[in-house]
Amino acid sequence: MNYTHRKSHHPSSLRIAILVAVILLLALPGRAQQGRGTIFGTVKDANGAVIPGANITITNTATNLNTNTVTNESGYYSVPNLLVGSYTAAATKEGFKKRLQSGLMLEVDQRAQVDLTLETGAVTEVMEVTSQGMLVDTSTATIGKVIENRRVQELPLNGRNALSLVLLAPSVQSGAGPTASGFGDRGTQVALIRINGSPLATNNFLVDGLSSTNPYVPDVNVNPNVDSVQEFKVQSNTMSPEFGYTLGGVINLVTKSGANRVFGTLYDFTRNDAFDANSWTNNRAGRAKSPLRYNQYGGSIGGPITFPKKIFGPLGYNGRDRSFFFYNYEGYRFTTSTSGFLTVPTEAFRRGDFRELRNGNGELIHIYKPSTTLPNPNGQGFLREQFKDNIIPTDLLDPVAVNLLRFYPLPNRTPDNAASNAFAPVQESIASTNRIPSAP
């Protein structure tokens, strides 16, 4: 059988597959509107009369994406469903100078009022006003505190857990204490908060408008890392009906999106016992330092979606001002152990011989036969027969328990309390090693 190979002038199947995959991603439904904002206001002339039919253009300065609308007969306009970020607002009308308002910072779930005043003149003339102040939300009674991107990025975070910054908002208390900001915590303890005195763990965590709360545990299903968080808002008091499923407050978090400029991060945070002193318990027992290996690493990248024509030919595409992407990844490896002083059964106890089972005062603790339980004829309660000499016969010992006791170490040092053969206080847990796989 002969095979004939012909050179194809069509793009390779790999190029087509990549392009189809991107198109499918672009076709995914947009984010829910709960994490977005609205700019609205009224356009008037210098005498305070409303101007209907004025053209309004709201521009995202990071992406140059425009949203256009026209004022109604009352001079009112509203542009909803805007991403968090920096904006400019422009108003034009025949017979008036163009009004350009820049420096508008829109926050998560904010309804910002931007009223514009037009002066008579040619449309080609531009009157620009730069505003660096906070946009005022006069349309809702909801109380909220925004933790903006600068604080998320620059404040020190133990374990880079952005949601631990929820405690910066007023009226937020942790039910787990200081451990809620620990680097090993990724869910339950972060969710264990109360807002305005509400019951613990009765709040709703939203990520890009979708609920990220597990109502059973409770837990945070998705806890975005620092590099993916744009900002979040802790909302309380009276809220609109769209924010349901809560007896307390709402933590409304939005993630980053792409922009015209390419940006990204790359990091690796390390903890290692090589930098630590030995613990007091290990020094007491003459042991070496417990191992600690912790690496938290990842990165992010965002920008316009671009397919260079040199590679994709006629399928080349420049997404500036049109299409954008953002991707981030974080993983961590965590190996550790803890050691402490524990009370373990003596060799005699393992054989059922409890003649030396005593309390801290040296008094014998009696062992009774469970099969001899009888009602107390002299009053309430029950009576049992004591084992002779406080020794359990060998034939009554559970063979499963006897086999399990083989894995317990024998006592290897003098107890703190010679009467009870116990250590006081009992500290920490049995040495263990945990390995946590990486996760996107």
Protein backbone atom coordinates (compact mmCIF):
# COMPACT_ATOMS: atom_id res chain seq x y z
CA MET A 1 0.00 0.00 0.00
CA ASN A 2 1.35 3.38 -1.02
CA TYR A 3 0.90 6.61 0.90
CA THR A 4 1.12 10.02 -0.73
CA HIS A 5 1.89 13.07 1.42
CA ARG A 6 0.64 16.41 0.18
CA LYS A 7 1.69 19.70 1.68
CA SER A 8 -1.29 21.62 3.09
CA HIS A 9 -1.63 25.37 2.82
CA HIS A 10 -4.21 25.50 5.62
CA PRO A 11 -3.31 26.37 9.21
CA SER A 12 -2.16 23.43 11.27
CA SER A 13 -4.68 21.49 13.31
CA LEU A 14 -2.90 22.66 16.47
CA ARG A 15 -3.46 26.32 15.60
CA ILE A 16 -7.13 25.69 14.85
CA ALA A 17 -7.57 23.74 18.10
CA ILE A 18 -6.06 26.58 20.12
CA LEU A 19 -8.24 29.16 18.43
CA VAL A 20 -11.41 27.08 18.91
CA ALA A 21 -10.59 26.59 22.60
CA VAL A 22 -10.18 30.33 23.11
CA ILE A 23 -13.44 31.07 21.27
CA LEU A 24 -15.25 28.59 23.51
CA LEU A 25 -13.79 30.27 26.58
CA LEU A 26 -14.90 33.66 25.31
CA ALA A 27 -18.39 32.27 24.85
CA LEU A 28 -18.73 31.35 28.52
CA PRO A 29 -21.38 33.27 30.44
CA GLY A 30 -20.20 36.54 32.00
CA ARG A 31 -19.78 37.05 35.71
CA ALA A 32 -22.78 37.60 37.90
CA GLN A 33 -23.59 41.24 38.49
CA GLN A 34 -23.35 41.15 42.29
CA GLY A 35 -19.62 41.83 42.16
CA ARG A 36 -19.92 44.71 39.71
CA GLY A 37 -20.86 48.35 40.05
CA THR A 38 -23.03 51.05 38.52
CA ILE A 39 -22.36 54.67 37.54
CA PHE A 40 -25.42 56.88 37.30
CA GLY A 41 -26.27 60.55 37.53
CA THR A 42 -27.98 63.55 36.01
CA VAL A 43 -26.73 65.90 33.26
CA LYS A 44 -27.63 69.60 33.67
CA ASP A 45 -26.64 72.92 32.16
CA ALA A 46 -24.99 75.80 34.02
CA ASN A 47 -28.41 77.08 35.16
CA GLY A 48 -29.42 73.74 36.65
CA ALA A 49 -31.86 72.71 33.91
CA VAL A 50 -31.74 69.02 32.95
CA ILE A 51 -30.45 68.07 29.51
CA PRO A 52 -32.25 65.17 27.82
CA GLY A 53 -30.69 63.33 24.90
CA ALA A 54 -27.08 63.88 26.01
CA ASN A 55 -24.67 61.16 24.91
CA ILE A 56 -22.86 59.48 27.81
CA THR A 57 -19.71 57.38 27.39
CA ILE A 58 -18.25 55.46 30.35
CA THR A 59 -14.71 54.22 29.63
CA ASN A 60 -12.66 51.69 31.58
CA THR A 61 -9.16 53.19 31.59
CA ALA A 62 -7.44 49.79 31.87
CA THR A 63 -9.15 48.21 28.87
CA ASN A 64 -10.46 51.25 26.90
CA LEU A 65 -13.83 49.51 26.70
CA ASN A 66 -16.68 51.99 26.25
CA THR A 67 -20.25 51.75 27.43
CA ASN A 68 -22.64 54.22 25.83
CA THR A 69 -26.05 55.47 26.85
CA VAL A 70 -28.29 58.54 26.45
CA THR A 71 -29.95 60.64 29.12
CA ASN A 72 -33.75 60.39 29.33
CA GLU A 73 -36.26 63.22 29.44
CA SER A 74 -35.26 63.93 33.05
CA GLY A 75 -31.58 64.18 32.15
CA TYR A 76 -30.91 60.90 34.00
CA TYR A 77 -28.55 58.14 32.90
CA SER A 78 -27.45 54.80 34.38
CA VAL A 79 -24.67 52.43 33.30
CA PRO A 80 -24.84 49.14 35.27
CA ASN A 81 -22.77 45.96 35.29
CA LEU A 82 -19.35 47.65 35.27
CA LEU A 83 -16.19 45.89 36.37
CA VAL A 84 -14.37 47.25 39.40
CA GLY A 85 -11.68 49.72 38.39
CA SER A 86 -10.83 53.19 37.11
CA TYR A 87 -13.22 55.01 34.77
CA THR A 88 -13.83 58.24 32.89
CA ALA A 89 -17.27 59.67 32.15
CA ALA A 90 -17.90 61.84 29.11
CA ALA A 91 -21.06 63.78 28.19
CA THR A 92 -21.70 65.47 24.83
CA LYS A 93 -24.64 67.40 23.43
CA GLU A 94 -24.96 69.68 20.43
CA GLY A 95 -24.50 73.30 21.54
CA PHE A 96 -22.47 72.36 24.65
CA LYS A 97 -18.81 71.78 25.38
CA LYS A 98 -17.81 68.17 25.91
CA ARG A 99 -17.60 67.34 29.64
CA LEU A 100 -14.96 64.77 30.62
CA GLN A 101 -14.78 63.49 34.20
CA SER A 102 -11.70 61.37 34.91
CA GLY A 103 -10.20 59.68 37.94
CA LEU A 104 -13.39 57.80 38.90
CA MET A 105 -12.63 54.71 41.02
CA LEU A 106 -15.55 52.26 41.05
CA GLU A 107 -15.59 49.75 43.91
CA VAL A 108 -17.26 46.38 44.28
CA ASP A 109 -21.08 46.51 44.29
CA GLN A 110 -21.03 50.30 44.34
CA ARG A 111 -23.72 52.56 42.90
CA ALA A 112 -21.73 55.71 42.27
CA GLN A 113 -23.47 58.98 41.49
CA VAL A 114 -21.63 61.14 38.96
CA ASP A 115 -23.58 64.28 38.05
CA LEU A 116 -22.28 66.21 35.03
CA THR A 117 -22.71 69.91 34.20
CA LEU A 118 -22.41 71.09 30.58
CA GLU A 119 -21.47 74.60 29.55
CA THR A 120 -22.56 76.22 26.31
CA GLY A 121 -20.03 76.12 23.52
CA ALA A 122 -18.78 74.00 20.63
CA VAL A 123 -18.76 70.23 20.93
CA THR A 124 -15.10 70.26 19.89
CA GLU A 125 -14.24 72.08 23.12
CA VAL A 126 -13.49 69.84 26.10
CA MET A 127 -13.91 70.71 29.73
CA GLU A 128 -12.05 68.06 31.77
CA VAL A 129 -12.42 67.60 35.50
CA THR A 130 -10.17 65.20 37.41
CA SER A 131 -11.66 63.63 40.51
CA GLN A 132 -9.58 61.62 42.97
CA GLY A 133 -12.16 61.57 45.74
CA MET A 134 -14.38 58.67 46.78
CA LEU A 135 -17.51 58.21 44.71
CA VAL A 136 -20.60 58.61 46.87
CA ASP A 137 -23.25 55.87 46.98
CA THR A 138 -26.54 57.58 47.84
CA SER A 139 -28.92 54.90 46.58
CA THR A 140 -28.62 52.24 49.27
CA ALA A 141 -28.64 51.96 53.06
CA THR A 142 -26.21 49.05 53.01
CA ILE A 143 -23.18 49.56 55.25
CA GLY A 144 -19.97 48.25 53.78
CA LYS A 145 -16.21 48.42 54.04
CA VAL A 146 -14.08 47.86 50.95
CA ILE A 147 -10.68 46.20 51.36
CA GLU A 148 -9.09 47.55 48.21
CA ASN A 149 -6.36 46.02 46.07
CA ARG A 150 -3.51 48.00 47.63
CA ARG A 151 -4.16 46.58 51.09
CA VAL A 152 -4.66 43.06 49.71
CA GLN A 153 -1.31 43.26 47.92
CA GLU A 154 0.82 45.15 50.45
CA LEU A 155 -0.34 44.17 53.94
CA PRO A 156 1.60 41.25 55.49
CA LEU A 157 -0.50 38.08 55.45
CA ASN A 158 0.45 34.91 57.28
CA GLY A 159 0.10 32.35 54.53
CA ARG A 160 -1.10 34.93 51.98
CA ASN A 161 -4.75 34.35 52.84
CA ALA A 162 -6.59 37.40 51.49
CA LEU A 163 -9.84 36.64 53.33
CA SER A 164 -8.10 37.02 56.69
CA LEU A 165 -8.32 40.78 55.96
CA VAL A 166 -12.07 40.55 56.56
CA LEU A 167 -11.23 41.24 60.20
CA LEU A 168 -10.14 44.78 59.22
CA ALA A 169 -13.75 45.74 58.59
CA PRO A 170 -15.78 47.26 61.46
CA SER A 171 -18.13 45.00 63.43
CA VAL A 172 -16.37 41.81 62.28
CA GLN A 173 -15.20 39.38 64.95
CA SER A 174 -13.46 36.03 64.63
CA GLY A 175 -14.85 33.00 66.41
CA ALA A 176 -11.56 31.14 66.01
CA GLY A 177 -9.17 33.69 67.48
CA PRO A 178 -5.74 34.56 66.08
CA THR A 179 -5.44 31.17 64.37
CA ALA A 180 -7.89 32.38 61.71
CA SER A 181 -5.02 34.13 59.94
CA GLY A 182 -2.62 31.19 60.07
CA PHE A 183 -0.93 29.90 56.95
CA GLY A 184 -2.41 26.43 57.41
CA ASP A 185 -6.01 27.67 57.38
CA ARG A 186 -7.88 27.82 54.12
CA GLY A 187 -11.55 27.56 54.98
CA THR A 188 -13.42 26.77 58.16
CA GLN A 189 -11.72 29.21 60.50
CA VAL A 190 -11.91 32.01 57.94
CA ALA A 191 -15.66 31.42 57.62
CA LEU A 192 -16.09 31.29 61.40
CA ILE A 193 -16.81 35.01 61.85
CA ARG A 194 -19.70 37.11 63.09
CA ILE A 195 -20.77 40.44 61.59
CA ASN A 196 -22.70 42.95 63.69
CA GLY A 197 -23.17 40.41 66.46
CA SER A 198 -24.80 37.80 64.24
CA PRO A 199 -24.41 34.05 64.96
CA LEU A 200 -21.11 32.54 63.90
CA ALA A 201 -20.75 31.20 60.36
CA THR A 202 -24.03 32.70 59.09
CA ASN A 203 -22.48 34.93 56.43
CA ASN A 204 -22.35 34.56 52.68
CA PHE A 205 -19.05 34.58 50.78
CA LEU A 206 -19.45 35.64 47.15
CA VAL A 207 -16.71 35.26 44.54
CA ASP A 208 -17.51 37.16 41.34
CA GLY A 209 -21.19 37.11 42.26
CA LEU A 210 -21.41 33.36 42.94
CA SER A 211 -21.85 31.94 46.44
CA SER A 212 -18.69 30.25 47.69
CA THR A 213 -20.04 29.09 51.04
CA ASN A 214 -20.47 25.46 52.02
CA PRO A 215 -23.56 25.53 54.29
CA TYR A 216 -22.83 22.16 55.89
CA VAL A 217 -19.37 22.60 57.38
CA PRO A 218 -19.45 25.73 57.15
CA ASP A 219 -16.49 26.39 54.92
CA VAL A 220 -15.29 28.60 52.10
CA ASN A 221 -15.41 26.52 48.94
CA VAL A 222 -13.14 28.81 46.90
CA ASN A 223 -10.59 30.93 48.72
CA PRO A 224 -8.77 32.93 46.02
CA ASN A 225 -5.12 33.69 46.59
CA VAL A 226 -3.72 37.19 46.93
CA ASP A 227 -2.60 37.57 43.31
CA SER A 228 -6.08 36.84 41.96
CA VAL A 229 -8.03 39.22 44.24
CA GLN A 230 -8.91 42.68 42.97
CA GLU A 231 -10.78 43.74 46.10
CA PHE A 232 -13.66 42.71 48.34
CA LYS A 233 -16.36 44.38 50.35
CA VAL A 234 -17.82 43.41 53.73
CA GLN A 235 -21.51 44.33 53.54
CA SER A 236 -23.98 44.44 56.40
CA ASN A 237 -27.11 46.18 57.67
CA THR A 238 -30.03 46.44 55.22
CA MET A 239 -29.19 44.78 51.90
CA SER A 240 -31.08 44.41 48.62
CA PRO A 241 -32.97 41.13 47.94
CA GLU A 242 -30.23 39.86 45.62
CA PHE A 243 -28.07 39.18 48.69
CA GLY A 244 -29.82 36.24 50.29
CA TYR A 245 -28.68 33.28 52.33
CA THR A 246 -27.33 35.14 55.32
CA LEU A 247 -28.20 36.03 58.90
CA GLY A 248 -25.14 38.25 59.20
CA GLY A 249 -23.28 39.92 56.36
CA VAL A 250 -21.92 39.37 52.89
CA ILE A 251 -18.25 39.21 51.89
CA ASN A 252 -18.39 40.24 48.23
CA LEU A 253 -15.10 39.47 46.48
CA VAL A 254 -14.13 40.14 42.89
CA THR A 255 -11.14 38.68 41.10
CA LYS A 256 -8.83 40.44 38.67
CA SER A 257 -9.37 40.66 34.95
CA GLY A 258 -7.09 41.32 32.02
CA ALA A 259 -6.13 44.72 30.65
CA ASN A 260 -4.40 46.23 27.63
CA ARG A 261 -1.03 45.98 29.28
CA VAL A 262 0.53 42.60 30.08
CA PHE A 263 1.11 42.15 33.80
CA GLY A 264 1.90 39.30 36.16
CA THR A 265 3.65 38.00 39.24
CA LEU A 266 5.95 35.14 40.17
CA TYR A 267 6.78 34.11 43.75
CA ASP A 268 7.99 31.40 46.10
CA PHE A 269 7.69 31.86 49.87
CA THR A 270 9.75 29.49 52.01
CA ARG A 271 9.74 28.36 55.63
CA ASN A 272 12.34 25.91 56.84
CA ASP A 273 13.52 24.58 60.19
CA ALA A 274 17.04 25.63 59.17
CA PHE A 275 16.01 29.14 60.18
CA ASP A 276 14.41 28.10 63.50
CA ALA A 277 15.63 27.39 67.01
CA ASN A 278 14.68 24.11 68.68
CA SER A 279 11.48 23.99 70.73
CA TRP A 280 11.41 23.87 74.51
CA THR A 281 9.83 20.40 74.54
CA ASN A 282 12.48 18.98 72.21
CA ASN A 283 15.28 20.48 74.31
CA ARG A 284 13.71 18.97 77.42
CA ALA A 285 13.63 15.51 75.84
CA GLY A 286 17.05 15.88 74.20
CA ARG A 287 15.59 15.65 70.71
CA ALA A 288 16.57 17.36 67.48
CA LYS A 289 14.43 20.01 65.84
CA SER A 290 11.20 18.84 64.27
CA PRO A 291 11.21 19.06 60.46
CA LEU A 292 9.46 21.99 58.79
CA ARG A 293 9.35 22.31 55.02
CA TYR A 294 6.90 24.85 53.63
CA ASN A 295 6.91 26.26 50.12
CA GLN A 296 4.11 28.44 48.78
CA TYR A 297 4.65 29.24 45.15
CA GLY A 298 2.79 30.39 42.09
CA GLY A 299 2.23 33.20 39.68
CA SER A 300 -0.29 35.13 37.63
CA ILE A 301 -0.49 36.69 34.21
CA GLY A 302 -3.05 38.88 32.46
CA GLY A 303 -3.33 40.97 29.32
CA PRO A 304 -5.02 41.22 25.92
CA ILE A 305 -5.80 38.06 23.96
CA THR A 306 -3.46 38.15 20.99
CA PHE A 307 -2.68 35.70 18.19
CA PRO A 308 0.33 36.99 16.22
CA LYS A 309 -0.16 36.88 12.48
CA LYS A 310 3.39 35.58 12.08
CA ILE A 311 2.25 32.35 13.75
CA PHE A 312 -1.46 32.11 12.98
CA GLY A 313 -1.48 33.79 9.56
CA PRO A 314 -4.98 34.91 8.53
CA LEU A 315 -6.27 33.72 11.91
CA GLY A 316 -4.16 36.34 13.67
CA TYR A 317 -6.01 38.48 16.17
CA ASN A 318 -5.21 41.55 18.26
CA GLY A 319 -7.45 41.74 21.32
CA ARG A 320 -6.39 45.15 22.59
CA ASP A 321 -9.45 47.19 23.61
CA ARG A 322 -11.62 44.11 22.97
CA SER A 323 -10.65 40.77 24.56
CA PHE A 324 -8.64 40.02 27.69
CA PHE A 325 -7.50 37.14 29.87
CA PHE A 326 -6.24 36.57 33.40
CA TYR A 327 -4.81 33.35 34.86
CA ASN A 328 -3.23 32.50 38.17
CA TYR A 329 -1.89 29.41 39.90
CA GLU A 330 -0.80 28.70 43.47
CA GLY A 331 0.48 25.53 45.08
CA TYR A 332 2.13 24.66 48.32
CA ARG A 333 4.10 21.81 49.89
CA PHE A 334 3.92 21.45 53.65
CA THR A 335 5.78 18.87 55.71
CA THR A 336 5.91 19.17 59.48
CA SER A 337 5.71 17.24 62.73
CA THR A 338 5.04 17.93 66.37
CA SER A 339 6.34 16.17 69.45
CA GLY A 340 5.33 16.19 73.07
CA PHE A 341 5.05 14.21 76.32
CA LEU A 342 2.27 11.64 76.39
CA THR A 343 1.12 9.09 78.93
CA VAL A 344 1.13 5.57 77.46
CA PRO A 345 0.05 2.26 79.09
CA THR A 346 2.68 0.46 81.15
CA GLU A 347 3.54 -3.17 80.46
CA ALA A 348 1.40 -4.26 83.44
CA PHE A 349 -1.62 -2.29 82.23
CA ARG A 350 -1.39 -3.99 78.84
CA ARG A 351 -1.71 -7.38 80.62
CA GLY A 352 -4.78 -6.21 82.52
CA ASP A 353 -2.88 -5.69 85.79
CA PHE A 354 -4.14 -2.42 87.28
CA ARG A 355 -2.84 -2.83 90.82
CA GLU A 356 -0.77 0.33 90.29
CA LEU A 357 -3.55 2.36 88.70
CA ARG A 358 -3.73 5.33 91.03
CA ASN A 359 -4.74 8.97 90.99
CA GLY A 360 -2.46 11.90 91.67
CA ASN A 361 -2.82 11.38 95.43
CA GLY A 362 -1.72 7.75 95.23
CA GLU A 363 -5.23 6.36 95.85
CA LEU A 364 -6.13 3.13 94.03
CA ILE A 365 -8.59 3.49 91.13
CA HIS A 366 -10.87 0.42 91.23
CA ILE A 367 -11.70 -1.61 88.12
CA TYR A 368 -15.19 -3.16 87.91
CA LYS A 369 -16.74 -5.99 85.87
CA PRO A 370 -19.18 -4.46 83.32
CA SER A 371 -21.12 -7.75 83.10
CA THR A 372 -22.15 -7.53 86.77
CA THR A 373 -24.13 -4.28 86.51
CA LEU A 374 -27.20 -4.41 88.80
CA PRO A 375 -29.63 -1.79 90.09
CA ASN A 376 -28.68 -0.37 93.47
CA PRO A 377 -31.15 -1.92 95.98
CA ASN A 378 -30.49 0.90 98.45
CA GLY A 379 -31.24 3.80 96.13
CA GLN A 380 -30.57 5.25 92.69
CA GLY A 381 -27.79 4.20 90.33
CA PHE A 382 -26.15 0.85 89.68
CA LEU A 383 -23.64 -1.44 91.36
CA ARG A 384 -20.85 -3.53 89.88
CA GLU A 385 -18.52 -6.19 91.22
CA GLN A 386 -14.84 -5.23 91.48
CA PHE A 387 -12.17 -7.30 89.77
CA LYS A 388 -10.18 -9.24 92.33
CA ASP A 389 -6.89 -7.49 93.12
CA ASN A 390 -7.79 -4.97 90.36
CA ILE A 391 -6.65 -7.44 87.68
CA ILE A 392 -8.66 -8.18 84.54
CA PRO A 393 -8.44 -11.88 83.61
CA THR A 394 -6.61 -12.58 80.36
CA ASP A 395 -9.63 -14.29 78.79
CA LEU A 396 -11.64 -11.07 79.14
CA LEU A 397 -9.13 -8.92 77.26
CA ASP A 398 -10.27 -7.92 73.77
CA PRO A 399 -7.81 -9.43 71.28
CA VAL A 400 -8.22 -6.43 68.96
CA ALA A 401 -7.26 -4.04 71.75
CA VAL A 402 -4.32 -6.27 72.70
CA ASN A 403 -3.04 -6.16 69.10
CA LEU A 404 -3.46 -2.40 68.89
CA LEU A 405 -1.46 -1.91 72.08
CA ARG A 406 1.52 -3.49 70.35
CA PHE A 407 1.84 -0.30 68.28
CA TYR A 408 2.01 1.93 71.36
CA PRO A 409 5.54 2.61 72.64
CA LEU A 410 6.41 1.66 76.22
CA PRO A 411 7.13 4.45 78.73
CA ASN A 412 10.71 5.63 78.21
CA ARG A 413 11.21 8.27 80.91
CA THR A 414 10.31 8.93 84.52
CA PRO A 415 6.77 10.35 84.79
CA ASP A 416 6.14 13.78 86.29
CA ASN A 417 3.75 12.21 88.82
CA ALA A 418 5.14 8.98 90.25
CA ALA A 419 1.78 8.06 91.83
CA SER A 420 -0.30 8.26 88.64
CA ASN A 421 2.48 7.49 86.13
CA ALA A 422 1.28 10.50 84.13
CA PHE A 423 2.88 13.60 82.67
CA ALA A 424 1.49 16.95 83.72
CA PRO A 425 0.49 18.74 81.69
CA VAL A 426 -0.05 16.55 78.62
CA GLN A 427 1.22 18.51 75.65
CA GLU A 428 0.73 18.56 71.92
CA SER A 429 0.10 15.45 69.83
CA ILE A 430 1.82 12.37 68.53
CA ALA A 431 4.48 13.17 65.96
CA SER A 432 2.97 13.29 62.49
CA THR A 433 3.82 14.32 58.96
CA ASN A 434 1.39 16.06 56.63
CA ARG A 435 1.85 16.52 52.92
CA ILE A 436 -0.48 18.84 51.05
CA PRO A 437 -0.47 18.53 47.25
CA SER A 438 -0.41 21.55 45.03
CA ALA A 439 -3.68 22.98 43.83
CA PRO A 440 -4.55 25.63 41.27
